[in-house]
Amino acid sequence: MSEGARVVIELDREAAACIAAAAKTRGVSVGDYVRDIAVNQARRDIRASEHDVIALTPEQQLELWKALQESPQLTDEQRRLGAIIRGEA
């Protein structure tokens, strides 16, 4: 992208209202808020990728933790494969 490039995004009303409210809490314009948040997140993502690290937000961490806590339901094919690997088939 060139210096001073514009980025256009489409938001639904709820997302636009949420961003406007967040910008207001920081006392900045919507454009400044979106730019600051996007640039900071992009920098974190780049740093993480340079070190082969998966960077997750607190919400993403919680979702991953929840998913890891669930016991998977194996399919019949997976059970058969497990039996083959264990030498039971």
PDB file of N, CA and C in Angstrom:
ATOM      1  N   MET A   1       0.839  -1.176   0.000  1.00  0.00           N
ATOM      2  CA  MET A   1       0.000   0.000   0.000  1.00  0.00           C
ATOM      3  C   MET A   1       0.885   1.240   0.000  1.00  0.00           C
ATOM      4  N   SER A   2       0.394   2.279  -0.594  1.00  0.00           N
ATOM      5  CA  SER A   2       1.167   3.512  -0.645  1.00  0.00           C
ATOM      6  C   SER A   2       0.987   4.306   0.644  1.00  0.00           C
ATOM      7  N   GLU A   3       1.904   5.256   0.846  1.00  0.00           N
ATOM      8  CA  GLU A   3       1.822   6.104   2.037  1.00  0.00           C
ATOM      9  C   GLU A   3       0.515   6.881   2.002  1.00  0.00           C
ATOM     10  N   GLY A   4      -0.167   6.929   3.126  1.00  0.00           N
ATOM     11  CA  GLY A   4      -1.430   7.647   3.190  1.00  0.00           C
ATOM     12  C   GLY A   4      -2.575   6.904   2.535  1.00  0.00           C
ATOM     13  N   ALA A   5      -2.447   5.592   2.371  1.00  0.00           N
ATOM     14  CA  ALA A   5      -3.484   4.806   1.706  1.00  0.00           C
ATOM     15  C   ALA A   5      -4.754   4.786   2.545  1.00  0.00           C
ATOM     16  N   ARG A   6      -5.893   4.689   1.882  1.00  0.00           N
ATOM     17  CA  ARG A   6      -7.184   4.611   2.546  1.00  0.00           C
ATOM     18  C   ARG A   6      -7.626   3.162   2.585  1.00  0.00           C
ATOM     19  N   VAL A   7      -8.251   2.797   3.675  1.00  0.00           N
ATOM     20  CA  VAL A   7      -8.840   1.476   3.819  1.00  0.00           C
ATOM     21  C   VAL A   7     -10.313   1.691   4.098  1.00  0.00           C
ATOM     22  N   VAL A   8     -11.158   1.032   3.326  1.00  0.00           N
ATOM     23  CA  VAL A   8     -12.598   1.176   3.492  1.00  0.00           C
ATOM     24  C   VAL A   8     -13.154  -0.149   3.991  1.00  0.00           C
ATOM     25  N   ILE A   9     -13.938  -0.088   5.053  1.00  0.00           N
ATOM     26  CA  ILE A   9     -14.569  -1.292   5.585  1.00  0.00           C
ATOM     27  C   ILE A   9     -16.070  -1.054   5.702  1.00  0.00           C
ATOM     28  N   GLU A  10     -16.814  -2.138   5.604  1.00  0.00           N
ATOM     29  CA  GLU A  10     -18.259  -2.058   5.801  1.00  0.00           C
ATOM     30  C   GLU A  10     -18.596  -2.687   7.136  1.00  0.00           C
ATOM     31  N   LEU A  11     -19.456  -2.004   7.896  1.00  0.00           N
ATOM     32  CA  LEU A  11     -19.863  -2.488   9.205  1.00  0.00           C
ATOM     33  C   LEU A  11     -21.379  -2.505   9.294  1.00  0.00           C
ATOM     34  N   ASP A  12     -21.889  -3.454  10.049  1.00  0.00           N
ATOM     35  CA  ASP A  12     -23.320  -3.390  10.322  1.00  0.00           C
ATOM     36  C   ASP A  12     -23.539  -2.319  11.391  1.00  0.00           C
ATOM     37  N   ARG A  13     -24.777  -1.978  11.638  1.00  0.00           N
ATOM     38  CA  ARG A  13     -25.070  -0.883  12.568  1.00  0.00           C
ATOM     39  C   ARG A  13     -24.559  -1.165  13.972  1.00  0.00           C
ATOM     40  N   GLU A  14     -24.706  -2.396  14.411  1.00  0.00           N
ATOM     41  CA  GLU A  14     -24.261  -2.752  15.759  1.00  0.00           C
ATOM     42  C   GLU A  14     -22.753  -2.580  15.905  1.00  0.00           C
ATOM     43  N   ALA A  15     -21.994  -3.061  14.919  1.00  0.00           N
ATOM     44  CA  ALA A  15     -20.534  -2.938  14.968  1.00  0.00           C
ATOM     45  C   ALA A  15     -20.121  -1.472  14.913  1.00  0.00           C
ATOM     46  N   ALA A  16     -20.771  -0.684  14.049  1.00  0.00           N
ATOM     47  CA  ALA A  16     -20.440   0.740  13.941  1.00  0.00           C
ATOM     48  C   ALA A  16     -20.730   1.467  15.249  1.00  0.00           C
ATOM     49  N   ALA A  17     -21.846   1.136  15.877  1.00  0.00           N
ATOM     50  CA  ALA A  17     -22.198   1.768  17.151  1.00  0.00           C
ATOM     51  C   ALA A  17     -21.211   1.368  18.238  1.00  0.00           C
ATOM     52  N   CYS A  18     -20.796   0.137  18.237  1.00  0.00           N
ATOM     53  CA  CYS A  18     -19.824  -0.354  19.216  1.00  0.00           C
ATOM     54  C   CYS A  18     -18.496   0.384  19.067  1.00  0.00           C
ATOM     55  N   ILE A  19     -18.033   0.512  17.850  1.00  0.00           N
ATOM     56  CA  ILE A  19     -16.766   1.210  17.599  1.00  0.00           C
ATOM     57  C   ILE A  19     -16.883   2.677  17.974  1.00  0.00           C
ATOM     58  N   ALA A  20     -18.002   3.302  17.628  1.00  0.00           N
ATOM     59  CA  ALA A  20     -18.203   4.712  17.977  1.00  0.00           C
ATOM     60  C   ALA A  20     -18.205   4.903  19.495  1.00  0.00           C
ATOM     61  N   ALA A  21     -18.849   3.993  20.214  1.00  0.00           N
ATOM     62  CA  ALA A  21     -18.883   4.089  21.675  1.00  0.00           C
ATOM     63  C   ALA A  21     -17.491   3.900  22.266  1.00  0.00           C
ATOM     64  N   ALA A  22     -16.736   2.952  21.735  1.00  0.00           N
ATOM     65  CA  ALA A  22     -15.375   2.722  22.232  1.00  0.00           C
ATOM     66  C   ALA A  22     -14.488   3.932  21.964  1.00  0.00           C
ATOM     67  N   ALA A  23     -14.629   4.518  20.790  1.00  0.00           N
ATOM     68  CA  ALA A  23     -13.844   5.712  20.458  1.00  0.00           C
ATOM     69  C   ALA A  23     -14.187   6.856  21.415  1.00  0.00           C
ATOM     70  N   LYS A  24     -15.468   6.985  21.699  1.00  0.00           N
ATOM     71  CA  LYS A  24     -15.907   8.051  22.608  1.00  0.00           C
ATOM     72  C   LYS A  24     -15.306   7.863  24.001  1.00  0.00           C
ATOM     73  N   THR A  25     -15.229   6.605  24.468  1.00  0.00           N
ATOM     74  CA  THR A  25     -14.663   6.370  25.800  1.00  0.00           C
ATOM     75  C   THR A  25     -13.199   6.768  25.863  1.00  0.00           C
ATOM     76  N   ARG A  26     -12.517   6.707  24.736  1.00  0.00           N
ATOM     77  CA  ARG A  26     -11.100   7.107  24.691  1.00  0.00           C
ATOM     78  C   ARG A  26     -10.925   8.573  24.323  1.00  0.00           C
ATOM     79  N   GLY A  27     -12.020   9.212  23.952  1.00  0.00           N
ATOM     80  CA  GLY A  27     -11.939  10.621  23.594  1.00  0.00           C
ATOM     81  C   GLY A  27     -11.252  10.874  22.268  1.00  0.00           C
ATOM     82  N   VAL A  28     -11.400   9.925  21.330  1.00  0.00           N
ATOM     83  CA  VAL A  28     -10.784  10.077  20.004  1.00  0.00           C
ATOM     84  C   VAL A  28     -11.854   9.886  18.937  1.00  0.00           C
ATOM     85  N   SER A  29     -11.519  10.265  17.723  1.00  0.00           N
ATOM     86  CA  SER A  29     -12.452  10.069  16.615  1.00  0.00           C
ATOM     87  C   SER A  29     -12.539   8.582  16.267  1.00  0.00           C
ATOM     88  N   VAL A  30     -13.596   8.222  15.563  1.00  0.00           N
ATOM     89  CA  VAL A  30     -13.755   6.833  15.134  1.00  0.00           C
ATOM     90  C   VAL A  30     -12.584   6.420  14.249  1.00  0.00           C
ATOM     91  N   GLY A  31     -12.186   7.287  13.336  1.00  0.00           N
ATOM     92  CA  GLY A  31     -11.068   6.970  12.456  1.00  0.00           C
ATOM     93  C   GLY A  31      -9.778   6.737  13.220  1.00  0.00           C
ATOM     94  N   ASP A  32      -9.498   7.616  14.185  1.00  0.00           N
ATOM     95  CA  ASP A  32      -8.288   7.452  15.002  1.00  0.00           C
ATOM     96  C   ASP A  32      -8.355   6.166  15.815  1.00  0.00           C
ATOM     97  N   TYR A  33      -9.528   5.878  16.357  1.00  0.00           N
ATOM     98  CA  TYR A  33      -9.688   4.665  17.158  1.00  0.00           C
ATOM     99  C   TYR A  33      -9.425   3.422  16.310  1.00  0.00           C
ATOM    100  N   VAL A  34     -10.077   3.340  15.158  1.00  0.00           N
ATOM    101  CA  VAL A  34      -9.908   2.173  14.288  1.00  0.00           C
ATOM    102  C   VAL A  34      -8.463   2.039  13.841  1.00  0.00           C
ATOM    103  N   ARG A  35      -7.838   3.137  13.461  1.00  0.00           N
ATOM    104  CA  ARG A  35      -6.440   3.091  13.024  1.00  0.00           C
ATOM    105  C   ARG A  35      -5.540   2.606  14.161  1.00  0.00           C
ATOM    106  N   ASP A  36      -5.695   3.180  15.348  1.00  0.00           N
ATOM    107  CA  ASP A  36      -4.842   2.794  16.473  1.00  0.00           C
ATOM    108  C   ASP A  36      -5.000   1.319  16.816  1.00  0.00           C
ATOM    109  N   ILE A  37      -6.228   0.866  16.909  1.00  0.00           N
ATOM    110  CA  ILE A  37      -6.484  -0.530  17.261  1.00  0.00           C
ATOM    111  C   ILE A  37      -5.957  -1.464  16.171  1.00  0.00           C
ATOM    112  N   ALA A  38      -6.240  -1.145  14.919  1.00  0.00           N
ATOM    113  CA  ALA A  38      -5.816  -2.011  13.814  1.00  0.00           C
ATOM    114  C   ALA A  38      -4.300  -2.067  13.700  1.00  0.00           C
ATOM    115  N   VAL A  39      -3.641  -0.939  13.807  1.00  0.00           N
ATOM    116  CA  VAL A  39      -2.181  -0.911  13.675  1.00  0.00           C
ATOM    117  C   VAL A  39      -1.526  -1.649  14.837  1.00  0.00           C
ATOM    118  N   ASN A  40      -2.003  -1.412  16.054  1.00  0.00           N
ATOM    119  CA  ASN A  40      -1.431  -2.114  17.209  1.00  0.00           C
ATOM    120  C   ASN A  40      -1.623  -3.617  17.098  1.00  0.00           C
ATOM    121  N   GLN A  41      -2.798  -4.051  16.675  1.00  0.00           N
ATOM    122  CA  GLN A  41      -3.041  -5.487  16.524  1.00  0.00           C
ATOM    123  C   GLN A  41      -2.175  -6.057  15.404  1.00  0.00           C
ATOM    124  N   ALA A  42      -2.039  -5.339  14.314  1.00  0.00           N
ATOM    125  CA  ALA A  42      -1.194  -5.801  13.206  1.00  0.00           C
ATOM    126  C   ALA A  42       0.250  -5.970  13.664  1.00  0.00           C
ATOM    127  N   ARG A  43       0.738  -5.032  14.451  1.00  0.00           N
ATOM    128  CA  ARG A  43       2.115  -5.140  14.963  1.00  0.00           C
ATOM    129  C   ARG A  43       2.273  -6.351  15.875  1.00  0.00           C
ATOM    130  N   ARG A  44       1.282  -6.600  16.744  1.00  0.00           N
ATOM    131  CA  ARG A  44       1.344  -7.779  17.614  1.00  0.00           C
ATOM    132  C   ARG A  44       1.343  -9.059  16.783  1.00  0.00           C
ATOM    133  N   ASP A  45       0.483  -9.102  15.756  1.00  0.00           N
ATOM    134  CA  ASP A  45       0.415 -10.287  14.903  1.00  0.00           C
ATOM    135  C   ASP A  45       1.735 -10.533  14.182  1.00  0.00           C
ATOM    136  N   ILE A  46       2.351  -9.471  13.687  1.00  0.00           N
ATOM    137  CA  ILE A  46       3.629  -9.606  12.981  1.00  0.00           C
ATOM    138  C   ILE A  46       4.707 -10.102  13.935  1.00  0.00           C
ATOM    139  N   ARG A  47       4.798  -9.491  15.138  1.00  0.00           N
ATOM    140  CA  ARG A  47       5.800  -9.941  16.115  1.00  0.00           C
ATOM    141  C   ARG A  47       5.591 -11.408  16.474  1.00  0.00           C
ATOM    142  N   ALA A  48       4.359 -11.786  16.681  1.00  0.00           N
ATOM    143  CA  ALA A  48       4.068 -13.182  17.039  1.00  0.00           C
ATOM    144  C   ALA A  48       4.465 -14.125  15.912  1.00  0.00           C
ATOM    145  N   SER A  49       4.168 -13.739  14.679  1.00  0.00           N
ATOM    146  CA  SER A  49       4.489 -14.619  13.552  1.00  0.00           C
ATOM    147  C   SER A  49       5.988 -14.763  13.353  1.00  0.00           C
ATOM    148  N   GLU A  50       6.743 -13.746  13.725  1.00  0.00           N
ATOM    149  CA  GLU A  50       8.200 -13.810  13.595  1.00  0.00           C
ATOM    150  C   GLU A  50       8.817 -14.795  14.588  1.00  0.00           C
ATOM    151  N   HIS A  51       8.083 -15.115  15.632  1.00  0.00           N
ATOM    152  CA  HIS A  51       8.593 -16.024  16.659  1.00  0.00           C
ATOM    153  C   HIS A  51       7.789 -17.328  16.713  1.00  0.00           C
ATOM    154  N   ASP A  52       7.021 -17.599  15.655  1.00  0.00           N
ATOM    155  CA  ASP A  52       6.197 -18.807  15.579  1.00  0.00           C
ATOM    156  C   ASP A  52       5.310 -18.964  16.810  1.00  0.00           C
ATOM    157  N   VAL A  53       4.699 -17.871  17.211  1.00  0.00           N
ATOM    158  CA  VAL A  53       3.810 -17.858  18.370  1.00  0.00           C
ATOM    159  C   VAL A  53       2.399 -17.545  17.888  1.00  0.00           C
ATOM    160  N   ILE A  54       1.442 -18.212  18.464  1.00  0.00           N
ATOM    161  CA  ILE A  54       0.050 -17.899  18.160  1.00  0.00           C
ATOM    162  C   ILE A  54      -0.416 -16.895  19.209  1.00  0.00           C
ATOM    163  N   ALA A  55      -0.743 -15.700  18.773  1.00  0.00           N
ATOM    164  CA  ALA A  55      -1.204 -14.662  19.693  1.00  0.00           C
ATOM    165  C   ALA A  55      -2.729 -14.675  19.710  1.00  0.00           C
ATOM    166  N   LEU A  56      -3.295 -14.872  20.883  1.00  0.00           N
ATOM    167  CA  LEU A  56      -4.742 -14.925  21.031  1.00  0.00           C
ATOM    168  C   LEU A  56      -5.220 -13.828  21.969  1.00  0.00           C
ATOM    169  N   THR A  57      -6.376 -13.275  21.655  1.00  0.00           N
ATOM    170  CA  THR A  57      -6.998 -12.326  22.564  1.00  0.00           C
ATOM    171  C   THR A  57      -7.509 -13.099  23.774  1.00  0.00           C
ATOM    172  N   PRO A  58      -7.819 -12.414  24.861  1.00  0.00           N
ATOM    173  CA  PRO A  58      -8.389 -13.136  26.014  1.00  0.00           C
ATOM    174  C   PRO A  58      -9.633 -13.945  25.649  1.00  0.00           C
ATOM    175  N   GLU A  59     -10.475 -13.407  24.791  1.00  0.00           N
ATOM    176  CA  GLU A  59     -11.674 -14.130  24.371  1.00  0.00           C
ATOM    177  C   GLU A  59     -11.309 -15.386  23.583  1.00  0.00           C
ATOM    178  N   GLN A  60     -10.329 -15.269  22.696  1.00  0.00           N
ATOM    179  CA  GLN A  60      -9.884 -16.423  21.917  1.00  0.00           C
ATOM    180  C   GLN A  60      -9.233 -17.470  22.815  1.00  0.00           C
ATOM    181  N   GLN A  61      -8.487 -17.017  23.831  1.00  0.00           N
ATOM    182  CA  GLN A  61      -7.881 -17.955  24.772  1.00  0.00           C
ATOM    183  C   GLN A  61      -8.950 -18.754  25.500  1.00  0.00           C
ATOM    184  N   LEU A  62     -10.018 -18.075  25.916  1.00  0.00           N
ATOM    185  CA  LEU A  62     -11.106 -18.752  26.616  1.00  0.00           C
ATOM    186  C   LEU A  62     -11.790 -19.768  25.709  1.00  0.00           C
ATOM    187  N   GLU A  63     -12.038 -19.392  24.468  1.00  0.00           N
ATOM    188  CA  GLU A  63     -12.670 -20.318  23.530  1.00  0.00           C
ATOM    189  C   GLU A  63     -11.802 -21.542  23.279  1.00  0.00           C
ATOM    190  N   LEU A  64     -10.498 -21.342  23.149  1.00  0.00           N
ATOM    191  CA  LEU A  64      -9.580 -22.461  22.958  1.00  0.00           C
ATOM    192  C   LEU A  64      -9.587 -23.357  24.186  1.00  0.00           C
ATOM    193  N   TRP A  65      -9.529 -22.753  25.377  1.00  0.00           N
ATOM    194  CA  TRP A  65      -9.544 -23.532  26.612  1.00  0.00           C
ATOM    195  C   TRP A  65     -10.817 -24.367  26.701  1.00  0.00           C
ATOM    196  N   LYS A  66     -11.963 -23.754  26.384  1.00  0.00           N
ATOM    197  CA  LYS A  66     -13.242 -24.483  26.427  1.00  0.00           C
ATOM    198  C   LYS A  66     -13.217 -25.657  25.450  1.00  0.00           C
ATOM    199  N   ALA A  67     -12.705 -25.416  24.249  1.00  0.00           N
ATOM    200  CA  ALA A  67     -12.658 -26.478  23.240  1.00  0.00           C
ATOM    201  C   ALA A  67     -11.755 -27.621  23.689  1.00  0.00           C
ATOM    202  N   LEU A  68     -10.656 -27.299  24.355  1.00  0.00           N
ATOM    203  CA  LEU A  68      -9.735 -28.334  24.814  1.00  0.00           C
ATOM    204  C   LEU A  68     -10.294 -29.125  25.992  1.00  0.00           C
ATOM    205  N   GLN A  69     -11.257 -28.559  26.707  1.00  0.00           N
ATOM    206  CA  GLN A  69     -11.852 -29.238  27.851  1.00  0.00           C
ATOM    207  C   GLN A  69     -12.924 -30.243  27.445  1.00  0.00           C
ATOM    208  N   GLU A  70     -13.450 -30.103  26.246  1.00  0.00           N
ATOM    209  CA  GLU A  70     -14.516 -30.991  25.783  1.00  0.00           C
ATOM    210  C   GLU A  70     -13.935 -32.326  25.329  1.00  0.00           C
ATOM    211  N   SER A  71     -14.621 -33.385  25.668  1.00  0.00           N
ATOM    212  CA  SER A  71     -14.214 -34.707  25.193  1.00  0.00           C
ATOM    213  C   SER A  71     -14.754 -34.890  23.776  1.00  0.00           C
ATOM    214  N   PRO A  72     -13.874 -35.206  22.845  1.00  0.00           N
ATOM    215  CA  PRO A  72     -14.346 -35.382  21.470  1.00  0.00           C
ATOM    216  C   PRO A  72     -15.158 -36.666  21.331  1.00  0.00           C
ATOM    217  N   GLN A  73     -16.128 -36.629  20.461  1.00  0.00           N
ATOM    218  CA  GLN A  73     -16.905 -37.816  20.149  1.00  0.00           C
ATOM    219  C   GLN A  73     -16.258 -38.476  18.927  1.00  0.00           C
ATOM    220  N   LEU A  74     -15.708 -39.650  19.135  1.00  0.00           N
ATOM    221  CA  LEU A  74     -15.039 -40.344  18.037  1.00  0.00           C
ATOM    222  C   LEU A  74     -16.059 -40.981  17.112  1.00  0.00           C
ATOM    223  N   THR A  75     -15.720 -40.972  15.830  1.00  0.00           N
ATOM    224  CA  THR A  75     -16.552 -41.660  14.844  1.00  0.00           C
ATOM    225  C   THR A  75     -16.201 -43.146  14.856  1.00  0.00           C
ATOM    226  N   ASP A  76     -17.036 -43.956  14.252  1.00  0.00           N
ATOM    227  CA  ASP A  76     -16.750 -45.390  14.157  1.00  0.00           C
ATOM    228  C   ASP A  76     -15.419 -45.626  13.447  1.00  0.00           C
ATOM    229  N   GLU A  77     -15.144 -44.834  12.410  1.00  0.00           N
ATOM    230  CA  GLU A  77     -13.900 -44.978  11.666  1.00  0.00           C
ATOM    231  C   GLU A  77     -12.694 -44.672  12.553  1.00  0.00           C
ATOM    232  N   GLN A  78     -12.807 -43.658  13.395  1.00  0.00           N
ATOM    233  CA  GLN A  78     -11.710 -43.318  14.296  1.00  0.00           C
ATOM    234  C   GLN A  78     -11.497 -44.418  15.333  1.00  0.00           C
ATOM    235  N   ARG A  79     -12.572 -45.005  15.809  1.00  0.00           N
ATOM    236  CA  ARG A  79     -12.440 -46.104  16.771  1.00  0.00           C
ATOM    237  C   ARG A  79     -11.755 -47.307  16.117  1.00  0.00           C
ATOM    238  N   ARG A  80     -12.143 -47.615  14.878  1.00  0.00           N
ATOM    239  CA  ARG A  80     -11.501 -48.718  14.157  1.00  0.00           C
ATOM    240  C   ARG A  80     -10.033 -48.438  13.938  1.00  0.00           C
ATOM    241  N   LEU A  81      -9.688 -47.220  13.566  1.00  0.00           N
ATOM    242  CA  LEU A  81      -8.291 -46.867  13.361  1.00  0.00           C
ATOM    243  C   LEU A  81      -7.511 -47.003  14.661  1.00  0.00           C
ATOM    244  N   GLY A  82      -8.089 -46.546  15.761  1.00  0.00           N
ATOM    245  CA  GLY A  82      -7.435 -46.704  17.060  1.00  0.00           C
ATOM    246  C   GLY A  82      -7.173 -48.152  17.383  1.00  0.00           C
ATOM    247  N   ALA A  83      -8.130 -49.030  17.087  1.00  0.00           N
ATOM    248  CA  ALA A  83      -7.964 -50.457  17.337  1.00  0.00           C
ATOM    249  C   ALA A  83      -6.835 -51.031  16.475  1.00  0.00           C
ATOM    250  N   ILE A  84      -6.761 -50.580  15.234  1.00  0.00           N
ATOM    251  CA  ILE A  84      -5.684 -51.036  14.339  1.00  0.00           C
ATOM    252  C   ILE A  84      -4.330 -50.601  14.883  1.00  0.00           C
ATOM    253  N   ILE A  85      -4.243 -49.343  15.310  1.00  0.00           N
ATOM    254  CA  ILE A  85      -2.976 -48.821  15.817  1.00  0.00           C
ATOM    255  C   ILE A  85      -2.554 -49.561  17.086  1.00  0.00           C
ATOM    256  N   ARG A  86      -3.507 -49.886  17.930  1.00  0.00           N
ATOM    257  CA  ARG A  86      -3.205 -50.600  19.175  1.00  0.00           C
ATOM    258  C   ARG A  86      -2.980 -52.104  18.934  1.00  0.00           C
ATOM    259  N   GLY A  87      -3.169 -52.561  17.691  1.00  0.00           N
ATOM    260  CA  GLY A  87      -2.990 -53.980  17.379  1.00  0.00           C
ATOM    261  C   GLY A  87      -4.143 -54.848  17.797  1.00  0.00           C
ATOM    262  N   GLU A  88      -5.305 -54.263  17.948  1.00  0.00           N
ATOM    263  CA  GLU A  88      -6.479 -54.986  18.397  1.00  0.00           C
ATOM    264  C   GLU A  88      -7.369 -55.439  17.249  1.00  0.00           C
ATOM    265  N   ALA A  89      -7.024 -55.056  16.037  1.00  0.00           N
ATOM    266  CA  ALA A  89      -7.881 -55.396  14.888  1.00  0.00           C
ATOM    267  C   ALA A  89      -7.213 -56.425  13.997  1.00  0.00           C
TER     268      ALA A  89
END
